[in-house]
Amino acid sequence: MSIQQGNLQFTSSLSFLLKRRWGSGMAIGTEKSGWSPVGCAKRITLRSPKKAKEVPFSVFKQLLHLLIRKCNRSTRRRLRLPKEPLAVDSTTISAGHNRLPWAPSAKGEKSGIKLHVSLLTETGEIHRVTESTGKQHDSTLCSRVTDPNFILVADRAYGKHKQFDTYMEQEQRQYFVIRVRYNTFLHEPVYRDRKRPYKHTIEQDLTCQLGTKARLTRHRFRVVKLKDPQGNPVVLVTNLHRPSAEKIAEIYRQRWQIEVFFRWIKQHLNVPKLFGRTPNAVYGQLYTALIVYVLLQYVYVQGNSQVHPSARLSFAAFDRLISLAALPPEWVVYLAHHLTLP
C-alpha cells in the first residue's frame, strides 16, 4: 500500500467514525458501504456495545494518551512567555443513583463520574486526562493532570493555599495563575509600583501572604484584582512576577477554552448519555469520545495550516462540514493526498 492510499484509507475511516459519532458509545456496523474522499457510508446500523463491560477502560485510556503524544504539536507563543498556559478543570456527568451505585456524587442525590482534563489553551489540544467518581474533589487529582513545564491556569476549586507553597518548593517549580475566593484574606499587602494606569477592568496589583495567621502561606504571592464582564470581583493569585497585570489577566481569560472544550464534547459526542453501567463501559465510552476529539483536532490543525487562506475554517465550522460531508474542495484534496499520519 502506498502512502497516498494509506492516507486515503485513514481519512475515510476517520471521517466515518467522526461523522457517526463513534464517541457516543455505540458500536457501528455498515451495510453496502461506499466511500467518498471524505468518508460517507450509504447505510449504517447502530447497536449498543454488549461486551463493553468486559473491555478494561485502561486500554482506551492508554490509547488516548498515546494519540495525544503522537498528535500534539508545539504551541504558538502568542503571549511571549517562557512557558505555555495549561488550563485544568473537570466536568461531571450525572446519572441516576440506581444506574451507577459505585459512583456516588458529592451531594448524595445522584450518581456521577468526573473527567479531569488539562488543555493547552493556545491550540485546544488535550494534554492529560484522568477519571474519578463525582464525590472526589477536583484538587485531590490536580497533580495527575498538571505539568511543571506549563503555566497552570485554574478556577477556584484548585485555589488551595497549602498547594501554592508546594508549587514553590517542589524540585521543578510549578508556575500558576489561579482564581481564589474574593474574600480571601491578604496578609501584609504591598502594592507594586506602576507608572501607567491599569487597562481594562484591572483594579489592583500587589504581593502578600495568603490566609489568616493560623493558616498563613510560607511564601508571598502576587495578587491581581479585576472585574469580570458582569462587574463581579475576580481575584487571581500567581507566582509570576515579571509579566504585567494585563498579561496575568489575559492568561486567566484563556481558561475559558477548557469550558468550550467540555461543551463541545457534550454536544457533539453524546457524552452526557451513558450507555453502560460498569466502570469499564462508562469510562471506556468517555475515553473513546476523547480519542475522537484528539483525531479531529489533529486533522483540523494540520489542514488549516496547509489549505489556502481563503479556505481556512474555524474548528466549529470544520466539525459541522465534515459531519455533513460538505468540506470545501481544498479540504477534500488535503484529506485525500496531503494528510500526514501521526
Protein backbone atom coordinates (compact mmCIF):
# COMPACT_ATOMS: atom_id res chain seq x y z
CA MET A 1 0.00 0.00 0.00
CA SER A 2 1.38 3.43 -0.94
CA ILE A 3 1.49 6.37 1.46
CA GLN A 4 -1.21 8.10 -0.60
CA GLN A 5 -3.50 5.07 -0.40
CA GLY A 6 -2.79 4.77 3.34
CA ASN A 7 -3.72 8.42 3.88
CA LEU A 8 -6.94 8.00 1.90
CA GLN A 9 -7.91 4.87 3.85
CA PHE A 10 -7.10 6.55 7.18
CA THR A 11 -9.05 9.65 6.17
CA SER A 12 -12.09 7.62 5.13
CA SER A 13 -12.12 5.62 8.33
CA LEU A 14 -11.55 8.67 10.48
CA SER A 15 -14.23 10.71 8.77
CA PHE A 16 -16.72 7.86 9.06
CA LEU A 17 -16.07 7.48 12.78
CA LEU A 18 -16.36 11.21 13.35
CA LYS A 19 -19.45 11.56 11.20
CA ARG A 20 -21.29 8.80 13.06
CA ARG A 21 -20.11 9.95 16.47
CA TRP A 22 -18.12 6.92 17.48
CA GLY A 23 -17.65 8.65 20.82
CA SER A 24 -21.37 8.27 21.56
CA GLY A 25 -20.62 4.82 22.94
CA MET A 26 -22.44 2.89 20.21
CA ALA A 27 -20.97 0.18 18.08
CA ILE A 28 -21.22 0.76 14.35
CA GLY A 29 -21.99 -1.70 11.62
CA THR A 30 -22.15 -0.90 7.93
CA GLU A 31 -24.03 -2.36 5.03
CA LYS A 32 -23.25 -1.62 1.38
CA SER A 33 -20.62 0.90 2.41
CA GLY A 34 -19.42 3.20 -0.30
CA TRP A 35 -16.57 5.56 0.48
CA SER A 36 -16.10 9.06 -0.84
CA PRO A 37 -12.92 11.08 -0.29
CA VAL A 38 -14.48 12.44 2.89
CA GLY A 39 -15.77 9.05 4.00
CA CYS A 40 -19.56 8.71 3.95
CA ALA A 41 -21.36 5.41 4.45
CA LYS A 42 -24.53 4.80 2.46
CA ARG A 43 -26.24 2.88 5.23
CA ILE A 44 -25.44 2.25 8.87
CA THR A 45 -26.84 0.24 11.76
CA LEU A 46 -26.27 1.18 15.40
CA ARG A 47 -26.33 -1.15 18.35
CA SER A 48 -25.33 -0.95 22.00
CA PRO A 49 -21.89 -2.39 22.89
CA LYS A 50 -22.91 -5.63 24.61
CA LYS A 51 -19.35 -6.56 25.60
CA ALA A 52 -18.20 -3.07 26.61
CA LYS A 53 -18.16 -4.03 30.28
CA GLU A 54 -15.59 -6.76 29.53
CA VAL A 55 -13.05 -4.39 27.96
CA PRO A 56 -10.76 -2.72 30.54
CA PHE A 57 -11.16 1.03 30.15
CA SER A 58 -7.40 1.34 30.80
CA VAL A 59 -6.92 0.14 27.20
CA PHE A 60 -8.80 3.18 25.87
CA LYS A 61 -7.01 5.44 28.35
CA GLN A 62 -3.58 4.26 27.20
CA LEU A 63 -4.61 4.61 23.56
CA LEU A 64 -5.81 8.17 24.22
CA HIS A 65 -2.52 9.24 25.81
CA LEU A 66 -0.57 7.54 23.01
CA LEU A 67 -2.53 9.56 20.45
CA ILE A 68 -2.01 12.73 22.48
CA ARG A 69 1.77 12.23 22.35
CA LYS A 70 1.65 11.44 18.63
CA CYS A 71 -0.76 14.18 17.56
CA ASN A 72 0.05 17.16 19.77
CA ARG A 73 2.09 19.90 18.20
CA SER A 74 4.21 22.59 19.80
CA THR A 75 2.08 25.53 20.83
CA ARG A 76 2.43 29.02 19.41
CA ARG A 77 3.91 31.54 21.82
CA ARG A 78 1.48 34.38 21.34
CA LEU A 79 1.90 35.60 24.90
CA ARG A 80 5.72 35.55 24.63
CA LEU A 81 6.11 33.79 27.95
CA PRO A 82 8.77 31.22 28.87
CA LYS A 83 6.04 28.60 29.25
CA GLU A 84 2.62 27.99 27.73
CA PRO A 85 -0.70 28.18 29.65
CA LEU A 86 -2.28 24.85 30.61
CA ALA A 87 -5.93 25.05 31.68
CA VAL A 88 -7.06 22.45 34.22
CA ASP A 89 -10.66 21.65 35.13
CA SER A 90 -13.16 18.81 35.42
CA THR A 91 -16.61 18.07 34.08
CA THR A 92 -19.25 15.92 35.77
CA ILE A 93 -21.59 13.50 34.00
CA SER A 94 -24.54 12.71 36.25
CA ALA A 95 -26.81 9.67 36.27
CA GLY A 96 -29.49 8.14 38.47
CA HIS A 97 -28.31 6.69 41.76
CA ASN A 98 -29.55 3.21 40.85
CA ARG A 99 -27.76 3.30 37.50
CA LEU A 100 -24.25 3.90 38.86
CA PRO A 101 -24.30 2.84 42.52
CA TRP A 102 -20.49 2.56 42.51
CA ALA A 103 -20.10 6.28 41.72
CA PRO A 104 -21.84 8.38 44.41
CA SER A 105 -21.87 12.14 43.88
CA ALA A 106 -20.85 14.77 46.40
CA LYS A 107 -24.49 15.75 47.09
CA GLY A 108 -25.60 12.15 47.51
CA GLU A 109 -28.81 12.53 45.48
CA LYS A 110 -27.41 11.21 42.20
CA SER A 111 -24.51 9.20 40.89
CA GLY A 112 -21.87 10.80 38.77
CA ILE A 113 -18.38 10.48 37.34
CA LYS A 114 -15.79 13.11 36.52
CA LEU A 115 -13.27 13.65 33.77
CA HIS A 116 -10.28 15.71 34.87
CA VAL A 117 -8.59 17.32 31.89
CA SER A 118 -5.66 19.63 31.20
CA LEU A 119 -5.84 21.52 27.91
CA LEU A 120 -3.26 23.58 26.02
CA THR A 121 -5.14 26.85 25.60
CA GLU A 122 -3.14 28.05 22.58
CA THR A 123 -4.16 25.15 20.34
CA GLY A 124 -7.03 23.41 22.15
CA GLU A 125 -5.04 20.16 22.45
CA ILE A 126 -5.60 17.74 25.31
CA HIS A 127 -2.52 17.26 27.47
CA ARG A 128 -3.54 14.82 30.21
CA VAL A 129 -6.75 13.13 31.35
CA THR A 130 -7.81 11.09 34.35
CA GLU A 131 -11.12 9.95 35.81
CA SER A 132 -12.85 9.75 39.20
CA THR A 133 -16.25 9.42 40.79
CA GLY A 134 -18.29 12.57 41.32
CA LYS A 135 -17.64 12.57 45.06
CA GLN A 136 -13.91 13.18 44.74
CA HIS A 137 -12.81 16.83 44.95
CA ASP A 138 -11.02 18.35 41.98
CA SER A 139 -7.98 19.49 43.96
CA THR A 140 -7.11 15.92 45.03
CA LEU A 141 -6.50 14.89 41.42
CA CYS A 142 -4.90 18.09 40.19
CA SER A 143 -1.38 16.60 40.34
CA ARG A 144 -2.34 13.90 37.82
CA VAL A 145 -3.10 16.39 35.06
CA THR A 146 -0.73 19.28 35.82
CA ASP A 147 2.75 19.64 34.35
CA PRO A 148 5.52 21.99 35.61
CA ASN A 149 6.58 22.54 32.01
CA PHE A 150 3.46 24.71 31.60
CA ILE A 151 1.73 27.53 33.47
CA LEU A 152 -1.19 26.06 35.42
CA VAL A 153 -4.40 28.05 34.90
CA ALA A 154 -7.36 27.03 37.04
CA ASP A 155 -10.51 28.20 38.80
CA ARG A 156 -11.41 28.43 42.48
CA ALA A 157 -11.71 24.68 43.02
CA TYR A 158 -7.92 24.45 42.76
CA GLY A 159 -7.15 27.51 44.92
CA LYS A 160 -5.68 25.75 47.98
CA HIS A 161 -3.18 27.90 49.88
CA LYS A 162 -1.15 24.94 51.07
CA GLN A 163 -0.78 23.76 47.48
CA PHE A 164 0.57 27.19 46.46
CA ASP A 165 3.52 26.68 48.83
CA THR A 166 4.04 23.19 47.46
CA TYR A 167 4.25 24.55 43.91
CA MET A 168 7.01 26.93 45.04
CA GLU A 169 9.02 24.33 46.93
CA GLN A 170 8.89 21.34 44.61
CA GLU A 171 12.02 20.40 42.67
CA GLN A 172 10.74 21.92 39.41
CA ARG A 173 8.69 24.97 40.30
CA GLN A 174 5.10 24.97 39.06
CA TYR A 175 4.08 28.39 37.78
CA PHE A 176 0.38 29.10 38.07
CA VAL A 177 -2.44 31.63 37.69
CA ILE A 178 -5.35 30.50 39.86
CA ARG A 179 -8.51 32.28 40.89
CA VAL A 180 -9.34 32.36 44.61
CA ARG A 181 -12.38 33.50 46.60
CA TYR A 182 -12.96 37.23 46.58
CA ASN A 183 -12.91 37.34 50.41
CA THR A 184 -9.50 35.64 50.74
CA PHE A 185 -7.55 37.38 53.49
CA LEU A 186 -4.44 39.17 52.22
CA HIS A 187 -1.73 39.44 54.89
CA GLU A 188 0.60 42.48 54.78
CA PRO A 189 -0.14 43.55 51.19
CA VAL A 190 2.49 45.59 49.33
CA TYR A 191 1.28 47.32 46.18
CA ARG A 192 3.54 47.06 43.15
CA ASP A 193 4.92 50.21 41.56
CA ARG A 194 3.14 51.21 38.39
CA LYS A 195 3.98 54.10 36.02
CA ARG A 196 0.91 53.78 33.79
CA PRO A 197 -2.77 53.46 34.75
CA TYR A 198 -4.33 50.00 34.64
CA LYS A 199 -6.08 48.93 31.45
CA HIS A 200 -9.47 47.27 31.09
CA THR A 201 -11.03 46.27 34.44
CA ILE A 202 -7.86 45.69 36.48
CA GLU A 203 -8.01 47.41 39.87
CA GLN A 204 -5.05 46.28 42.00
CA ASP A 205 -1.68 44.54 41.67
CA LEU A 206 0.11 43.58 44.90
CA THR A 207 2.16 40.96 46.72
CA CYS A 208 1.21 39.39 50.05
CA GLN A 209 0.87 36.23 52.08
CA LEU A 210 -2.48 34.47 51.89
CA GLY A 211 -4.78 33.34 54.69
CA THR A 212 -5.12 34.06 58.38
CA LYS A 213 -2.26 33.80 60.86
CA ALA A 214 -3.26 30.25 61.75
CA ARG A 215 -3.05 29.14 58.11
CA LEU A 216 -0.69 31.65 56.58
CA THR A 217 1.26 30.74 53.44
CA ARG A 218 5.01 30.50 53.86
CA HIS A 219 5.67 32.43 50.67
CA ARG A 220 4.47 35.77 49.36
CA PHE A 221 2.43 35.61 46.16
CA ARG A 222 1.29 38.13 43.64
CA VAL A 223 -2.42 39.04 43.63
CA VAL A 224 -4.18 40.74 40.72
CA LYS A 225 -7.71 42.03 41.31
CA LEU A 226 -10.10 42.83 38.46
CA LYS A 227 -13.77 42.74 37.47
CA ASP A 228 -15.44 40.26 35.12
CA PRO A 229 -17.81 41.48 32.34
CA GLN A 230 -20.74 41.38 34.81
CA GLY A 231 -18.89 43.54 37.30
CA ASN A 232 -18.15 40.75 39.79
CA PRO A 233 -14.78 40.76 41.58
CA VAL A 234 -12.10 38.36 40.36
CA VAL A 235 -9.00 37.69 42.49
CA LEU A 236 -6.08 35.96 40.80
CA VAL A 237 -3.08 34.51 42.65
CA THR A 238 0.14 33.78 40.80
CA ASN A 239 3.86 33.26 41.31
CA LEU A 240 4.64 35.01 38.00
CA HIS A 241 6.17 38.38 38.86
CA ARG A 242 7.63 39.64 35.57
CA PRO A 243 4.53 39.81 33.31
CA SER A 244 2.24 42.83 33.59
CA ALA A 245 -1.08 42.66 35.39
CA GLU A 246 -2.81 42.81 31.99
CA LYS A 247 -0.83 39.76 30.87
CA ILE A 248 -1.81 37.83 34.01
CA ALA A 249 -5.47 38.64 33.32
CA GLU A 250 -5.07 37.51 29.71
CA ILE A 251 -3.57 34.19 30.82
CA TYR A 252 -6.56 33.56 33.07
CA ARG A 253 -9.03 34.51 30.33
CA GLN A 254 -7.60 31.67 28.24
CA ARG A 255 -9.00 29.24 30.81
CA TRP A 256 -12.35 29.68 29.05
CA GLN A 257 -11.03 27.38 26.30
CA ILE A 258 -11.47 24.34 28.53
CA GLU A 259 -15.11 25.30 29.16
CA VAL A 260 -15.60 25.46 25.38
CA PHE A 261 -13.96 22.04 25.09
CA PHE A 262 -16.30 20.45 27.66
CA ARG A 263 -19.33 22.00 25.96
CA TRP A 264 -18.17 20.67 22.58
CA ILE A 265 -17.71 17.06 23.66
CA LYS A 266 -21.07 17.07 25.47
CA GLN A 267 -22.92 18.49 22.47
CA HIS A 268 -21.19 16.54 19.71
CA LEU A 269 -20.11 13.22 21.23
CA ASN A 270 -23.18 12.31 23.31
CA VAL A 271 -21.05 12.18 26.46
CA PRO A 272 -23.93 13.02 28.88
CA LYS A 273 -25.79 9.88 27.73
CA LEU A 274 -24.05 6.90 29.31
CA PHE A 275 -24.82 3.60 27.61
CA GLY A 276 -23.23 1.27 30.16
CA ARG A 277 -23.37 0.75 33.90
CA THR A 278 -19.99 -0.74 34.82
CA PRO A 279 -16.80 1.32 35.23
CA ASN A 280 -15.29 -0.27 32.12
CA ALA A 281 -18.31 0.58 29.99
CA VAL A 282 -18.72 4.14 31.31
CA TYR A 283 -15.07 5.20 31.30
CA GLY A 284 -14.45 3.32 28.06
CA GLN A 285 -17.17 5.38 26.37
CA LEU A 286 -15.73 8.65 27.67
CA TYR A 287 -12.15 7.87 26.66
CA THR A 288 -13.36 6.80 23.23
CA ALA A 289 -15.08 10.17 22.87
CA LEU A 290 -11.82 11.92 23.74
CA ILE A 291 -9.97 9.81 21.17
CA VAL A 292 -12.37 11.13 18.53
CA TYR A 293 -11.69 14.70 19.66
CA VAL A 294 -7.89 14.23 19.53
CA LEU A 295 -8.04 12.81 15.99
CA LEU A 296 -10.41 15.50 14.79
CA GLN A 297 -8.27 18.25 16.33
CA TYR A 298 -5.14 16.77 14.73
CA VAL A 299 -6.70 16.73 11.26
CA TYR A 300 -8.09 20.24 11.69
CA VAL A 301 -4.89 21.90 12.92
CA GLN A 302 -2.78 20.28 10.21
CA GLY A 303 -5.28 21.07 7.46
CA ASN A 304 -5.84 24.69 8.47
CA SER A 305 -2.11 25.33 8.12
CA GLN A 306 -1.91 23.76 4.65
CA VAL A 307 -5.03 24.82 2.76
CA HIS A 308 -5.26 28.18 1.03
CA PRO A 309 -6.04 31.05 3.45
CA SER A 310 -9.39 31.59 1.74
CA ALA A 311 -10.43 28.03 2.67
CA ARG A 312 -9.42 28.13 6.33
CA LEU A 313 -12.18 27.26 8.78
CA SER A 314 -12.93 27.60 12.46
CA PHE A 315 -12.95 24.35 14.41
CA ALA A 316 -16.75 24.53 14.78
CA ALA A 317 -17.21 25.02 11.02
CA PHE A 318 -14.80 22.18 10.23
CA ASP A 319 -16.67 19.83 12.56
CA ARG A 320 -20.04 20.76 11.05
CA LEU A 321 -18.90 20.44 7.43
CA ILE A 322 -17.10 17.12 7.90
CA SER A 323 -20.23 15.73 9.56
CA LEU A 324 -22.29 16.86 6.54
CA ALA A 325 -19.65 15.65 4.04
CA ALA A 326 -19.60 19.20 2.68
CA LEU A 327 -15.98 20.29 3.12
CA PRO A 328 -14.59 22.79 0.58
CA PRO A 329 -12.63 21.27 -2.35
CA GLU A 330 -9.31 22.42 -0.85
CA TRP A 331 -10.01 20.35 2.26
CA VAL A 332 -11.07 17.32 0.22
CA VAL A 333 -7.76 17.45 -1.67
CA TYR A 334 -5.83 17.84 1.58
CA LEU A 335 -7.58 14.87 3.23
CA ALA A 336 -7.08 12.64 0.18
CA HIS A 337 -3.49 13.49 -0.71
CA HIS A 338 -1.67 15.61 1.88
CA LEU A 339 -2.76 14.38 5.30
CA THR A 340 0.31 13.26 7.30
CA LEU A 341 -0.28 10.34 9.64
CA PRO A 342 0.73 10.87 13.30
